[in-house]
Amino acid sequence: MFTRVVLAIAATAAAVGWTLTATVPAVVDIGLATGLTGAPGTLTVLECHDGGSSRRSRQVCTGSFVYDATGEKAAVRAFSWADPGHVYPAQITNGGDRAGVRGTQGALAALVDPSIGLILIIAVGVALELRAFRLANAAVIGAVGLVGIAVGTVAQSV
């Protein structure tokens, strides 16, 4: 019984942790994509490289952002699915350190990581036999998560 409780706590912490750490950047990216935050301009992606040595490392991209209003340039961190040499319509964060793709593509591309988190939470809920995660509920929520992953992945590859 003790082992089951410890495993349940660890699995829940991992699933919720992933979801929270994935959702916060996604909210920032959606705000930039919709123009609700930041300033408009263009982003030229200069380089991308592997972000670390771990299995979960992500591509890290940097670029040059040019403000529409002033023509001023700023060095920024770009979204992880960028292609070096490409120019994107973008928004820069108010802090001026990160840029995201402006428009529908940027908003949809931000769905991948939170959708994975949603699937992880469902898996933990089903494994723990929680009432809210009975098969019918889990199937519907899981389908939403899978659609989010598929749509986001396609948006990142266009």
Protein backbone atom coordinates (compact mmCIF):
# COMPACT_ATOMS: atom_id res chain seq x y z
CA MET A 1 0.00 0.00 0.00
CA PHE A 2 2.80 2.42 0.91
CA THR A 3 4.53 1.82 -2.42
CA ARG A 4 1.30 2.55 -4.31
CA VAL A 5 0.83 5.84 -2.43
CA VAL A 6 4.43 6.91 -3.10
CA LEU A 7 4.10 6.02 -6.79
CA ALA A 8 0.79 7.87 -7.01
CA ILE A 9 2.30 10.99 -5.47
CA ALA A 10 5.38 10.84 -7.72
CA ALA A 11 3.33 10.26 -10.89
CA THR A 12 0.91 13.05 -10.02
CA ALA A 13 3.75 15.47 -9.24
CA ALA A 14 5.48 14.63 -12.52
CA ALA A 15 2.32 15.03 -14.62
CA VAL A 16 1.24 18.27 -12.95
CA GLY A 17 4.81 19.62 -13.04
CA TRP A 18 5.14 18.95 -16.78
CA THR A 19 1.77 20.53 -17.46
CA LEU A 20 2.50 23.67 -15.46
CA THR A 21 5.99 24.17 -16.89
CA ALA A 22 4.62 23.62 -20.40
CA THR A 23 1.54 25.79 -20.02
CA VAL A 24 3.21 28.98 -18.80
CA PRO A 25 5.44 29.39 -21.90
CA ALA A 26 2.50 28.36 -24.11
CA VAL A 27 0.38 31.16 -22.64
CA VAL A 28 3.20 33.63 -23.39
CA ASP A 29 3.46 32.29 -26.97
CA ILE A 30 -0.31 32.56 -27.49
CA GLY A 31 -0.26 36.13 -26.15
CA LEU A 32 2.50 37.01 -28.61
CA ALA A 33 0.79 35.19 -31.51
CA THR A 34 -2.49 37.00 -30.96
CA GLY A 35 -0.88 40.39 -30.43
CA LEU A 36 -2.24 40.71 -26.89
CA THR A 37 1.28 41.19 -25.53
CA GLY A 38 4.55 42.49 -26.90
CA ALA A 39 5.42 44.65 -29.88
CA PRO A 40 5.16 43.70 -33.58
CA GLY A 41 8.05 43.28 -35.96
CA THR A 42 9.96 40.67 -37.93
CA LEU A 43 12.25 37.95 -36.68
CA THR A 44 15.16 36.61 -38.69
CA VAL A 45 16.32 33.32 -37.19
CA LEU A 46 20.12 33.29 -37.12
CA GLU A 47 20.96 29.92 -35.60
CA CYS A 48 19.55 26.89 -33.82
CA HIS A 49 21.39 24.30 -31.78
CA ASP A 50 20.70 21.47 -29.37
CA GLY A 51 19.85 22.92 -25.98
CA GLY A 52 21.68 20.37 -23.87
CA SER A 53 22.91 16.87 -23.42
CA SER A 54 19.86 15.31 -21.82
CA ARG A 55 17.32 13.15 -23.58
CA ARG A 56 14.70 15.88 -23.22
CA SER A 57 16.79 18.73 -24.53
CA ARG A 58 15.12 21.09 -26.94
CA GLN A 59 16.41 23.03 -29.85
CA VAL A 60 17.45 26.54 -28.84
CA CYS A 61 17.19 29.24 -31.50
CA THR A 62 18.36 32.83 -31.56
CA GLY A 63 17.61 35.63 -33.95
CA SER A 64 17.44 39.29 -34.75
CA PHE A 65 14.14 41.10 -34.17
CA VAL A 66 13.35 44.35 -35.98
CA TYR A 67 10.59 46.50 -34.46
CA ASP A 68 7.92 47.63 -36.95
CA ALA A 69 7.47 51.00 -35.23
CA THR A 70 11.09 52.10 -34.94
CA GLY A 71 13.23 49.79 -37.08
CA GLU A 72 15.39 49.17 -34.01
CA LYS A 73 17.06 45.72 -33.82
CA ALA A 74 17.27 43.41 -30.83
CA ALA A 75 18.93 40.04 -30.29
CA VAL A 76 16.33 37.55 -29.04
CA ARG A 77 15.66 33.94 -28.23
CA ALA A 78 13.32 32.47 -30.85
CA PHE A 79 10.79 29.64 -30.66
CA SER A 80 12.27 26.13 -30.63
CA TRP A 81 10.81 25.01 -33.97
CA ALA A 82 12.29 27.85 -36.02
CA ASP A 83 14.31 27.36 -39.20
CA PRO A 84 17.62 29.25 -39.44
CA GLY A 85 17.59 31.82 -42.23
CA HIS A 86 13.82 32.23 -42.25
CA VAL A 87 12.07 35.54 -41.59
CA TYR A 88 8.83 35.40 -39.58
CA PRO A 89 6.20 38.00 -38.69
CA ALA A 90 6.69 38.15 -34.95
CA GLN A 91 5.96 39.80 -31.63
CA ILE A 92 8.64 40.46 -29.03
CA THR A 93 7.99 40.18 -25.30
CA ASN A 94 7.74 43.40 -23.32
CA GLY A 95 11.08 42.49 -21.72
CA GLY A 96 12.61 42.26 -25.19
CA ASP A 97 14.25 38.88 -24.67
CA ARG A 98 12.00 36.49 -26.58
CA ALA A 99 10.04 36.56 -29.83
CA GLY A 100 7.15 34.42 -31.02
CA VAL A 101 5.43 33.93 -34.36
CA ARG A 102 2.54 36.33 -34.88
CA GLY A 103 -0.70 34.86 -36.18
CA THR A 104 -2.57 31.57 -36.26
CA GLN A 105 0.55 29.46 -36.81
CA GLY A 106 2.14 30.74 -33.60
CA ALA A 107 -1.00 30.19 -31.53
CA LEU A 108 -1.56 26.65 -32.82
CA ALA A 109 2.12 25.68 -32.49
CA ALA A 110 1.96 26.56 -28.79
CA LEU A 111 -0.54 23.73 -28.16
CA VAL A 112 1.88 20.79 -28.29
CA ASP A 113 3.47 20.81 -24.83
CA PRO A 114 0.32 21.61 -22.80
CA SER A 115 -1.51 18.89 -24.75
CA ILE A 116 1.17 16.37 -23.78
CA GLY A 117 0.69 17.47 -20.17
CA LEU A 118 -3.04 16.90 -20.49
CA ILE A 119 -2.42 13.34 -21.72
CA LEU A 120 -0.04 12.72 -18.79
CA ILE A 121 -2.61 13.94 -16.27
CA ILE A 122 -5.25 11.68 -17.82
CA ALA A 123 -2.91 8.69 -17.68
CA VAL A 124 -2.23 9.31 -13.99
CA GLY A 125 -5.94 9.81 -13.25
CA VAL A 126 -6.88 6.55 -15.00
CA ALA A 127 -4.02 4.66 -13.31
CA LEU A 128 -5.15 5.92 -9.90
CA GLU A 129 -8.76 5.04 -10.75
CA LEU A 130 -10.01 8.52 -9.91
CA ARG A 131 -13.73 9.02 -10.47
CA ALA A 132 -13.30 12.05 -12.77
CA PHE A 133 -11.06 9.96 -15.04
CA ARG A 134 -13.41 7.13 -15.84
CA LEU A 135 -13.09 5.76 -19.33
CA ALA A 136 -15.68 7.99 -21.06
CA ASN A 137 -14.29 11.19 -19.55
CA ALA A 138 -10.70 10.14 -20.12
CA ALA A 139 -11.43 9.26 -23.76
CA VAL A 140 -12.93 12.68 -24.49
CA ILE A 141 -10.18 14.60 -22.70
CA GLY A 142 -7.53 12.35 -24.27
CA ALA A 143 -8.97 13.02 -27.73
CA VAL A 144 -8.72 16.76 -27.09
CA GLY A 145 -5.09 16.31 -26.04
CA LEU A 146 -4.26 14.24 -29.12
CA VAL A 147 -5.89 16.80 -31.41
CA GLY A 148 -3.85 19.56 -29.70
CA ILE A 149 -0.64 17.60 -30.26
CA ALA A 150 -1.49 16.91 -33.92
CA VAL A 151 -2.56 20.48 -34.72
CA GLY A 152 0.43 21.98 -32.93
CA THR A 153 2.87 19.63 -34.64
CA VAL A 154 1.47 20.45 -38.08
CA ALA A 155 1.60 24.19 -37.32
CA GLN A 156 5.27 23.87 -36.30
CA SER A 157 6.19 22.09 -39.50
CA VAL A 158 4.51 24.46 -41.98
